[in-house]
Amino acid sequence: MSSEVRAFQPVSGPMDLLHELFIAEPRWLPDAERLDGRRWSMNLHGGGFTRSVTAHLGQPWSAKTTVWRSLSWDPARKDGARSGRFVERMLPTFDGELGLHLADPMASLVLDGRYQPPGGEFGATLDEFALHRFAQNTVQRLLADIAVALHEQVAAERPIVDGGSPDENAPEQP
């Protein structure tokens, strides 16, 4: 039995530049290192600890006012092997879609996906009572980190107008 998770995060910047950055090389993935092709090693933060995952990010496609990219991850090491540590063996894989919704006056990121709680029926019960909140917090933090990275890239590429600071509308990081 899989569990669903969905999160939203506003992101500031000119719509055309956000679109361009989102569909380009994903420099906005947090703490990411390219492994090969579309596979990345990246860190996720949640529940007071950081975990490394091997992520796959698909090519962008559009649906009305949203640009989507498939996003999946597995709590595997860079070499593809599963960790022997108990905590990391208990982390679920994730399969979903990451979107950038471009509608005036504000753009927003959305992450919609599914994960399979490890541990069979016991894991599903534990997920229902406690772990789902952990998963929700993890994906919300991921979107907040992506929003900050996109905002920083916008600020680096957009000239400062009227002497204002390019960081005055930066989203707060949890």
N, C-alpha and C. Protein backbone atom coordinates (compact mmCIF):
# COMPACT_ATOMS: atom_id res chain seq x y z
N MET A 1 0.83 -1.17 0.00
CA MET A 1 0.00 0.00 0.00
C MET A 1 0.89 1.25 0.00
N SER A 2 0.77 2.06 -1.03
CA SER A 2 1.59 3.26 -1.10
C SER A 2 0.87 4.44 -0.45
N SER A 3 1.66 5.40 -0.04
CA SER A 3 1.13 6.63 0.56
C SER A 3 1.41 7.78 -0.38
N GLU A 4 0.50 8.74 -0.39
CA GLU A 4 0.67 9.91 -1.24
C GLU A 4 1.14 11.08 -0.40
N VAL A 5 1.90 11.95 -1.06
CA VAL A 5 2.37 13.16 -0.40
C VAL A 5 2.35 14.28 -1.44
N ARG A 6 1.94 15.46 -1.00
CA ARG A 6 1.85 16.61 -1.89
C ARG A 6 2.25 17.85 -1.09
N ALA A 7 3.03 18.73 -1.74
CA ALA A 7 3.46 19.96 -1.08
C ALA A 7 3.52 21.08 -2.10
N PHE A 8 3.35 22.31 -1.61
CA PHE A 8 3.39 23.52 -2.43
C PHE A 8 4.33 24.52 -1.78
N GLN A 9 4.95 25.35 -2.62
CA GLN A 9 5.87 26.37 -2.11
C GLN A 9 5.90 27.54 -3.07
N PRO A 10 5.58 28.77 -2.61
CA PRO A 10 5.71 29.93 -3.49
C PRO A 10 7.18 30.16 -3.84
N VAL A 11 7.40 30.71 -5.01
CA VAL A 11 8.76 31.07 -5.43
C VAL A 11 8.68 32.41 -6.16
N SER A 12 9.62 33.30 -5.86
CA SER A 12 9.55 34.63 -6.44
C SER A 12 10.55 34.79 -7.58
N GLY A 13 10.17 35.65 -8.50
CA GLY A 13 11.03 35.95 -9.64
C GLY A 13 10.20 36.11 -10.89
N PRO A 14 10.81 36.66 -11.92
CA PRO A 14 10.11 36.82 -13.20
C PRO A 14 9.74 35.44 -13.77
N MET A 15 8.51 35.30 -14.22
CA MET A 15 8.01 34.01 -14.70
C MET A 15 8.87 33.42 -15.81
N ASP A 16 9.27 34.26 -16.78
CA ASP A 16 10.05 33.74 -17.90
C ASP A 16 11.41 33.22 -17.45
N LEU A 17 12.05 33.91 -16.51
CA LEU A 17 13.35 33.46 -16.02
C LEU A 17 13.22 32.21 -15.16
N LEU A 18 12.19 32.14 -14.32
CA LEU A 18 11.96 30.92 -13.53
C LEU A 18 11.75 29.72 -14.44
N HIS A 19 10.95 29.91 -15.49
CA HIS A 19 10.69 28.84 -16.46
C HIS A 19 12.00 28.38 -17.09
N GLU A 20 12.81 29.33 -17.53
CA GLU A 20 14.09 29.02 -18.18
C GLU A 20 15.01 28.23 -17.24
N LEU A 21 15.09 28.67 -15.99
CA LEU A 21 15.96 27.98 -15.02
C LEU A 21 15.45 26.58 -14.69
N PHE A 22 14.13 26.42 -14.59
CA PHE A 22 13.54 25.14 -14.22
C PHE A 22 13.75 24.08 -15.30
N ILE A 23 13.71 24.47 -16.57
CA ILE A 23 13.85 23.48 -17.64
C ILE A 23 15.31 23.24 -18.02
N ALA A 24 16.21 24.10 -17.57
CA ALA A 24 17.64 23.95 -17.87
C ALA A 24 18.28 22.93 -16.93
N GLU A 25 19.59 22.83 -17.02
CA GLU A 25 20.37 21.99 -16.10
C GLU A 25 19.94 22.32 -14.66
N PRO A 26 19.55 21.34 -13.87
CA PRO A 26 18.97 21.62 -12.55
C PRO A 26 19.99 22.00 -11.48
N ARG A 27 20.53 23.20 -11.63
CA ARG A 27 21.46 23.71 -10.61
C ARG A 27 20.72 24.01 -9.32
N TRP A 28 19.40 23.93 -9.35
CA TRP A 28 18.57 24.24 -8.19
C TRP A 28 18.31 23.02 -7.30
N LEU A 29 18.76 21.83 -7.71
CA LEU A 29 18.62 20.67 -6.82
C LEU A 29 19.53 20.86 -5.60
N PRO A 30 19.03 20.66 -4.38
CA PRO A 30 19.84 20.94 -3.19
C PRO A 30 20.98 19.95 -3.00
N ASP A 31 22.16 20.49 -2.77
CA ASP A 31 23.36 19.68 -2.48
C ASP A 31 23.53 18.55 -3.49
N ALA A 32 23.25 18.83 -4.77
CA ALA A 32 23.24 17.76 -5.78
C ALA A 32 24.58 17.62 -6.48
N GLU A 33 24.87 16.40 -6.83
CA GLU A 33 26.06 16.05 -7.61
C GLU A 33 25.62 15.08 -8.70
N ARG A 34 25.95 15.42 -9.95
CA ARG A 34 25.55 14.56 -11.06
C ARG A 34 26.33 13.25 -11.00
N LEU A 35 25.58 12.15 -11.11
CA LEU A 35 26.21 10.84 -11.16
C LEU A 35 26.42 10.42 -12.61
N ASP A 36 25.36 10.49 -13.40
CA ASP A 36 25.42 10.19 -14.83
C ASP A 36 24.06 10.55 -15.44
N GLY A 37 24.04 10.87 -16.69
CA GLY A 37 22.78 11.16 -17.37
C GLY A 37 21.85 12.02 -16.55
N ARG A 38 20.73 11.44 -16.15
CA ARG A 38 19.74 12.17 -15.35
C ARG A 38 19.74 11.73 -13.89
N ARG A 39 20.77 11.01 -13.47
CA ARG A 39 20.86 10.57 -12.07
C ARG A 39 21.73 11.53 -11.27
N TRP A 40 21.25 11.84 -10.06
CA TRP A 40 21.93 12.78 -9.18
C TRP A 40 22.02 12.20 -7.78
N SER A 41 23.07 12.53 -7.08
CA SER A 41 23.13 12.27 -5.65
C SER A 41 22.76 13.59 -4.99
N MET A 42 21.80 13.54 -4.08
CA MET A 42 21.40 14.77 -3.40
C MET A 42 21.02 14.46 -1.96
N ASN A 43 21.00 15.50 -1.16
CA ASN A 43 20.66 15.35 0.25
C ASN A 43 19.25 15.85 0.50
N LEU A 44 18.51 15.10 1.30
CA LEU A 44 17.20 15.51 1.77
C LEU A 44 17.30 15.77 3.26
N HIS A 45 16.59 16.78 3.72
CA HIS A 45 16.60 17.15 5.13
C HIS A 45 15.22 16.97 5.70
N GLY A 46 15.14 16.39 6.87
CA GLY A 46 13.84 16.23 7.52
C GLY A 46 13.99 15.47 8.82
N GLY A 47 13.15 15.80 9.77
CA GLY A 47 13.16 15.07 11.04
C GLY A 47 14.46 15.21 11.80
N GLY A 48 15.18 16.29 11.58
CA GLY A 48 16.42 16.52 12.32
C GLY A 48 17.65 15.82 11.76
N PHE A 49 17.53 15.16 10.62
CA PHE A 49 18.72 14.56 10.04
C PHE A 49 18.70 14.72 8.53
N THR A 50 19.86 14.49 7.94
CA THR A 50 20.04 14.59 6.50
C THR A 50 20.30 13.21 5.96
N ARG A 51 19.68 12.89 4.82
CA ARG A 51 19.93 11.60 4.19
C ARG A 51 20.31 11.83 2.74
N SER A 52 21.16 10.99 2.25
CA SER A 52 21.59 11.05 0.86
C SER A 52 20.74 10.09 0.05
N VAL A 53 20.28 10.55 -1.11
CA VAL A 53 19.48 9.71 -1.99
C VAL A 53 20.05 9.79 -3.40
N THR A 54 19.77 8.77 -4.17
CA THR A 54 20.07 8.78 -5.59
C THR A 54 18.77 9.14 -6.30
N ALA A 55 18.79 10.28 -6.98
CA ALA A 55 17.57 10.81 -7.60
C ALA A 55 17.66 10.73 -9.12
N HIS A 56 16.50 10.58 -9.74
CA HIS A 56 16.37 10.64 -11.19
C HIS A 56 15.42 11.78 -11.51
N LEU A 57 15.88 12.70 -12.36
CA LEU A 57 15.08 13.86 -12.76
C LEU A 57 14.84 13.77 -14.25
N GLY A 58 13.57 13.72 -14.64
CA GLY A 58 13.21 13.57 -16.04
C GLY A 58 13.23 14.88 -16.81
N GLN A 59 13.01 14.76 -18.11
CA GLN A 59 12.93 15.91 -19.00
C GLN A 59 11.65 16.70 -18.70
N PRO A 60 11.70 18.02 -18.88
CA PRO A 60 10.50 18.82 -18.63
C PRO A 60 9.43 18.64 -19.70
N TRP A 61 8.17 18.76 -19.28
CA TRP A 61 7.04 18.79 -20.19
C TRP A 61 6.03 19.78 -19.62
N SER A 62 5.20 20.33 -20.48
CA SER A 62 4.24 21.36 -20.05
C SER A 62 2.81 20.85 -20.12
N ALA A 63 2.02 21.34 -19.18
CA ALA A 63 0.58 21.10 -19.16
C ALA A 63 -0.07 22.41 -18.71
N LYS A 64 -0.61 23.13 -19.65
CA LYS A 64 -1.22 24.45 -19.40
C LYS A 64 -0.20 25.39 -18.77
N THR A 65 -0.42 25.84 -17.53
CA THR A 65 0.47 26.82 -16.92
C THR A 65 1.52 26.20 -16.00
N THR A 66 1.70 24.89 -16.08
CA THR A 66 2.66 24.21 -15.22
C THR A 66 3.67 23.44 -16.06
N VAL A 67 4.94 23.59 -15.70
CA VAL A 67 6.01 22.81 -16.31
C VAL A 67 6.35 21.71 -15.31
N TRP A 68 6.36 20.47 -15.78
CA TRP A 68 6.58 19.31 -14.91
C TRP A 68 7.89 18.61 -15.25
N ARG A 69 8.44 17.94 -14.24
CA ARG A 69 9.57 17.03 -14.41
C ARG A 69 9.32 15.85 -13.49
N SER A 70 9.51 14.64 -14.00
CA SER A 70 9.38 13.49 -13.10
C SER A 70 10.56 13.52 -12.12
N LEU A 71 10.32 13.09 -10.92
CA LEU A 71 11.35 13.04 -9.89
C LEU A 71 11.14 11.77 -9.08
N SER A 72 12.17 10.98 -8.97
CA SER A 72 12.12 9.79 -8.13
C SER A 72 13.43 9.70 -7.38
N TRP A 73 13.40 9.02 -6.24
CA TRP A 73 14.65 8.80 -5.52
C TRP A 73 14.60 7.49 -4.76
N ASP A 74 15.80 7.04 -4.47
CA ASP A 74 16.01 5.81 -3.74
C ASP A 74 17.10 6.09 -2.71
N PRO A 75 16.95 5.66 -1.47
CA PRO A 75 17.97 5.94 -0.46
C PRO A 75 19.21 5.06 -0.64
N ALA A 76 19.74 5.03 -1.85
CA ALA A 76 20.93 4.24 -2.17
C ALA A 76 22.17 5.12 -2.16
N ARG A 77 23.30 4.49 -1.96
CA ARG A 77 24.57 5.22 -2.04
C ARG A 77 24.86 5.57 -3.49
N LYS A 78 25.88 6.40 -3.70
CA LYS A 78 26.26 6.82 -5.05
C LYS A 78 26.57 5.64 -5.96
N ASP A 79 27.10 4.55 -5.38
CA ASP A 79 27.45 3.39 -6.21
C ASP A 79 26.23 2.51 -6.50
N GLY A 80 25.05 2.91 -6.00
CA GLY A 80 23.82 2.18 -6.29
C GLY A 80 23.47 1.12 -5.26
N ALA A 81 24.38 0.82 -4.33
CA ALA A 81 24.11 -0.20 -3.32
C ALA A 81 23.25 0.37 -2.20
N ARG A 82 22.38 -0.45 -1.65
CA ARG A 82 21.58 -0.03 -0.50
C ARG A 82 22.47 0.00 0.72
N SER A 83 22.23 0.93 1.59
CA SER A 83 23.01 1.05 2.80
C SER A 83 22.69 -0.10 3.75
N GLY A 84 23.65 -0.47 4.56
CA GLY A 84 23.44 -1.49 5.56
C GLY A 84 22.90 -0.91 6.86
N ARG A 85 22.91 0.43 6.99
CA ARG A 85 22.44 1.06 8.22
C ARG A 85 20.93 0.90 8.33
N PHE A 86 20.45 0.54 9.52
CA PHE A 86 19.03 0.28 9.73
C PHE A 86 18.16 1.47 9.33
N VAL A 87 18.54 2.69 9.78
CA VAL A 87 17.73 3.88 9.49
C VAL A 87 17.58 4.07 7.99
N GLU A 88 18.65 3.90 7.24
CA GLU A 88 18.58 4.10 5.80
C GLU A 88 17.85 2.97 5.09
N ARG A 89 17.89 1.76 5.64
CA ARG A 89 17.11 0.66 5.05
C ARG A 89 15.62 0.91 5.23
N MET A 90 15.26 1.65 6.26
CA MET A 90 13.85 1.91 6.55
C MET A 90 13.30 3.12 5.78
N LEU A 91 14.13 3.80 5.01
CA LEU A 91 13.65 4.95 4.25
C LEU A 91 13.00 4.49 2.96
N PRO A 92 11.88 5.10 2.60
CA PRO A 92 11.17 4.66 1.40
C PRO A 92 11.75 5.26 0.12
N THR A 93 11.44 4.62 -0.98
CA THR A 93 11.71 5.20 -2.28
C THR A 93 10.55 6.15 -2.59
N PHE A 94 10.75 7.02 -3.54
CA PHE A 94 9.74 8.03 -3.89
C PHE A 94 9.62 8.09 -5.40
N ASP A 95 8.41 8.28 -5.89
CA ASP A 95 8.15 8.44 -7.32
C ASP A 95 7.08 9.51 -7.47
N GLY A 96 7.41 10.56 -8.21
CA GLY A 96 6.43 11.63 -8.35
C GLY A 96 6.77 12.62 -9.45
N GLU A 97 6.12 13.76 -9.36
CA GLU A 97 6.31 14.83 -10.33
C GLU A 97 6.56 16.13 -9.58
N LEU A 98 7.53 16.87 -10.08
CA LEU A 98 7.88 18.18 -9.56
C LEU A 98 7.42 19.19 -10.60
N GLY A 99 6.65 20.17 -10.17
CA GLY A 99 6.11 21.15 -11.11
C GLY A 99 6.42 22.57 -10.71
N LEU A 100 6.50 23.43 -11.72
CA LEU A 100 6.61 24.87 -11.52
C LEU A 100 5.36 25.47 -12.16
N HIS A 101 4.47 25.95 -11.30
CA HIS A 101 3.19 26.53 -11.76
C HIS A 101 3.42 28.03 -11.96
N LEU A 102 3.21 28.48 -13.20
CA LEU A 102 3.48 29.87 -13.56
C LEU A 102 2.16 30.59 -13.82
N ALA A 103 1.61 31.19 -12.79
CA ALA A 103 0.37 31.94 -12.92
C ALA A 103 0.52 33.25 -12.16
N ASP A 104 0.19 34.35 -12.83
CA ASP A 104 0.30 35.65 -12.16
C ASP A 104 -0.59 35.69 -10.93
N PRO A 105 -0.21 36.30 -9.88
CA PRO A 105 0.98 37.13 -9.72
C PRO A 105 2.17 36.38 -9.13
N MET A 106 2.01 35.11 -8.75
CA MET A 106 3.09 34.40 -8.07
C MET A 106 3.25 33.00 -8.64
N ALA A 107 4.49 32.61 -8.82
CA ALA A 107 4.79 31.24 -9.24
C ALA A 107 4.85 30.36 -7.99
N SER A 108 4.63 29.07 -8.18
CA SER A 108 4.75 28.15 -7.06
C SER A 108 5.28 26.81 -7.55
N LEU A 109 5.99 26.16 -6.64
CA LEU A 109 6.47 24.80 -6.88
C LEU A 109 5.46 23.83 -6.29
N VAL A 110 5.31 22.70 -6.93
CA VAL A 110 4.44 21.65 -6.40
C VAL A 110 5.16 20.32 -6.55
N LEU A 111 5.08 19.50 -5.54
CA LEU A 111 5.63 18.15 -5.59
C LEU A 111 4.50 17.20 -5.23
N ASP A 112 4.22 16.29 -6.13
CA ASP A 112 3.11 15.35 -5.97
C ASP A 112 3.67 13.96 -6.22
N GLY A 113 3.58 13.09 -5.21
CA GLY A 113 4.18 11.78 -5.41
C GLY A 113 3.67 10.72 -4.47
N ARG A 114 4.28 9.56 -4.60
CA ARG A 114 3.92 8.38 -3.85
C ARG A 114 5.18 7.71 -3.29
N TYR A 115 5.03 7.11 -2.14
CA TYR A 115 6.13 6.33 -1.57
C TYR A 115 5.54 5.09 -0.92
N GLN A 116 6.34 4.07 -0.88
CA GLN A 116 5.94 2.79 -0.28
C GLN A 116 6.60 2.68 1.09
N PRO A 117 5.81 2.77 2.18
CA PRO A 117 6.43 2.63 3.50
C PRO A 117 7.09 1.26 3.64
N PRO A 118 8.34 1.22 4.06
CA PRO A 118 9.00 -0.08 4.25
C PRO A 118 8.45 -0.80 5.47
N GLY A 119 8.61 -2.09 5.51
CA GLY A 119 8.22 -2.87 6.68
C GLY A 119 6.86 -3.51 6.60
N GLY A 120 6.31 -3.62 5.40
CA GLY A 120 5.04 -4.33 5.22
C GLY A 120 3.89 -3.67 5.97
N GLU A 121 3.01 -4.49 6.57
CA GLU A 121 1.84 -3.97 7.29
C GLU A 121 2.23 -3.13 8.49
N PHE A 122 3.28 -3.57 9.19
CA PHE A 122 3.74 -2.80 10.35
C PHE A 122 4.19 -1.41 9.90
N GLY A 123 4.96 -1.35 8.83
CA GLY A 123 5.42 -0.06 8.30
C GLY A 123 4.27 0.82 7.84
N ALA A 124 3.26 0.22 7.21
CA ALA A 124 2.09 0.99 6.77
C ALA A 124 1.33 1.56 7.97
N THR A 125 1.22 0.79 9.04
CA THR A 125 0.54 1.27 10.25
C THR A 125 1.34 2.39 10.89
N LEU A 126 2.64 2.22 10.98
CA LEU A 126 3.51 3.24 11.55
C LEU A 126 3.45 4.52 10.70
N ASP A 127 3.40 4.36 9.40
CA ASP A 127 3.30 5.51 8.49
C ASP A 127 2.00 6.26 8.73
N GLU A 128 0.93 5.52 8.93
CA GLU A 128 -0.38 6.14 9.14
C GLU A 128 -0.40 7.00 10.40
N PHE A 129 0.29 6.57 11.45
CA PHE A 129 0.25 7.28 12.73
C PHE A 129 1.35 8.32 12.89
N ALA A 130 2.50 8.14 12.24
CA ALA A 130 3.60 9.08 12.52
C ALA A 130 4.48 9.39 11.32
N LEU A 131 4.85 8.40 10.56
CA LEU A 131 5.87 8.62 9.53
C LEU A 131 5.38 9.48 8.37
N HIS A 132 4.08 9.52 8.13
CA HIS A 132 3.58 10.34 7.03
C HIS A 132 3.89 11.82 7.27
N ARG A 133 3.83 12.26 8.52
CA ARG A 133 4.19 13.66 8.83
C ARG A 133 5.65 13.91 8.53
N PHE A 134 6.49 12.93 8.82
CA PHE A 134 7.92 13.04 8.50
C PHE A 134 8.11 13.17 6.99
N ALA A 135 7.41 12.36 6.21
CA ALA A 135 7.50 12.43 4.75
C ALA A 135 7.02 13.78 4.25
N GLN A 136 5.92 14.27 4.79
CA GLN A 136 5.38 15.57 4.40
C GLN A 136 6.38 16.69 4.69
N ASN A 137 6.98 16.66 5.87
CA ASN A 137 7.97 17.67 6.24
C ASN A 137 9.20 17.61 5.34
N THR A 138 9.60 16.39 4.95
CA THR A 138 10.77 16.23 4.09
C THR A 138 10.52 16.83 2.71
N VAL A 139 9.37 16.56 2.11
CA VAL A 139 9.11 17.11 0.77
C VAL A 139 8.86 18.62 0.85
N GLN A 140 8.28 19.11 1.94
CA GLN A 140 8.09 20.56 2.08
C GLN A 140 9.45 21.25 2.19
N ARG A 141 10.36 20.66 2.94
CA ARG A 141 11.71 21.23 3.07
C ARG A 141 12.43 21.18 1.73
N LEU A 142 12.27 20.11 0.97
CA LEU A 142 12.89 20.02 -0.35
C LEU A 142 12.40 21.17 -1.23
N LEU A 143 11.09 21.42 -1.26
CA LEU A 143 10.57 22.51 -2.07
C LEU A 143 11.08 23.86 -1.58
N ALA A 144 11.18 24.06 -0.29
CA ALA A 144 11.72 25.31 0.25
C ALA A 144 13.18 25.49 -0.19
N ASP A 145 13.97 24.42 -0.16
CA ASP A 145 15.36 24.49 -0.60
C ASP A 145 15.45 24.81 -2.09
N ILE A 146 14.58 24.20 -2.90
CA ILE A 146 14.57 24.48 -4.34
C ILE A 146 14.16 25.93 -4.60
N ALA A 147 13.16 26.42 -3.86
CA ALA A 147 12.71 27.81 -4.02
C ALA A 147 13.84 28.79 -3.71
N VAL A 148 14.60 28.53 -2.65
CA VAL A 148 15.73 29.38 -2.30
C VAL A 148 16.78 29.35 -3.42
N ALA A 149 17.09 28.16 -3.91
CA ALA A 149 18.09 28.03 -4.98
C ALA A 149 17.63 28.75 -6.26
N LEU A 150 16.37 28.60 -6.63
CA LEU A 150 15.85 29.30 -7.81
C LEU A 150 15.91 30.81 -7.61
N HIS A 151 15.53 31.28 -6.43
CA HIS A 151 15.56 32.71 -6.15
C HIS A 151 17.00 33.25 -6.24
N GLU A 152 17.95 32.50 -5.71
CA GLU A 152 19.36 32.93 -5.78
C GLU A 152 19.84 32.98 -7.23
N GLN A 153 19.41 32.03 -8.04
CA GLN A 153 19.80 32.05 -9.46
C GLN A 153 19.14 33.22 -10.19
N VAL A 154 17.89 33.52 -9.87
CA VAL A 154 17.22 34.67 -10.46
C VAL A 154 17.97 35.95 -10.09
N ALA A 155 18.32 36.07 -8.81
CA ALA A 155 19.03 37.27 -8.34
C ALA A 155 20.38 37.41 -9.03
N ALA A 156 21.06 36.30 -9.29
CA ALA A 156 22.37 36.35 -9.93
C ALA A 156 22.26 36.75 -11.40
N GLU A 157 21.14 36.43 -12.04
CA GLU A 157 20.98 36.70 -13.47
C GLU A 157 20.22 37.99 -13.76
N ARG A 158 19.48 38.50 -12.80
CA ARG A 158 18.66 39.69 -13.01
C ARG A 158 19.41 40.91 -12.49
N PRO A 159 19.50 41.98 -13.28
CA PRO A 159 20.16 43.18 -12.79
C PRO A 159 19.36 43.83 -11.66
N ILE A 160 20.06 44.48 -10.76
CA ILE A 160 19.41 45.18 -9.66
C ILE A 160 18.80 46.46 -10.22
N VAL A 161 17.51 46.67 -9.96
CA VAL A 161 16.80 47.83 -10.46
C VAL A 161 16.52 48.79 -9.30
N ASP A 162 16.70 50.08 -9.54
CA ASP A 162 16.42 51.12 -8.55
C ASP A 162 17.21 50.93 -7.26
N GLY A 163 18.37 50.32 -7.31
CA GLY A 163 19.22 50.18 -6.14
C GLY A 163 18.69 49.22 -5.10
N GLY A 164 17.62 48.48 -5.40
CA GLY A 164 17.06 47.52 -4.45
C GLY A 164 17.93 46.28 -4.32
N SER A 165 17.78 45.59 -3.27
CA SER A 165 18.52 44.35 -3.05
C SER A 165 17.85 43.20 -3.78
N PRO A 166 18.62 42.36 -4.53
CA PRO A 166 18.00 41.26 -5.22
C PRO A 166 17.45 40.19 -4.29
N ASP A 167 17.81 40.25 -3.01
CA ASP A 167 17.39 39.23 -2.08
C ASP A 167 16.23 39.66 -1.18
N GLU A 168 15.64 40.82 -1.45
CA GLU A 168 14.61 41.33 -0.54
C GLU A 168 13.36 40.47 -0.50
N ASN A 169 13.11 39.66 -1.53
CA ASN A 169 11.92 38.80 -1.55
C ASN A 169 12.27 37.33 -1.45
N ALA A 170 13.44 37.03 -0.94
CA ALA A 170 13.87 35.63 -0.85
C ALA A 170 12.96 34.85 0.08
N PRO A 171 12.56 33.64 -0.31
CA PRO A 171 11.74 32.84 0.60
C PRO A 171 12.56 32.42 1.80
N GLU A 172 11.88 32.34 2.95
CA GLU A 172 12.58 31.90 4.15
C GLU A 172 12.80 30.41 4.12
N GLN A 173 13.97 30.00 4.59
CA GLN A 173 14.29 28.58 4.64
C GLN A 173 13.91 28.06 6.03
N PRO A 174 13.19 26.93 6.07
CA PRO A 174 12.77 26.41 7.38
C PRO A 174 13.93 25.97 8.23
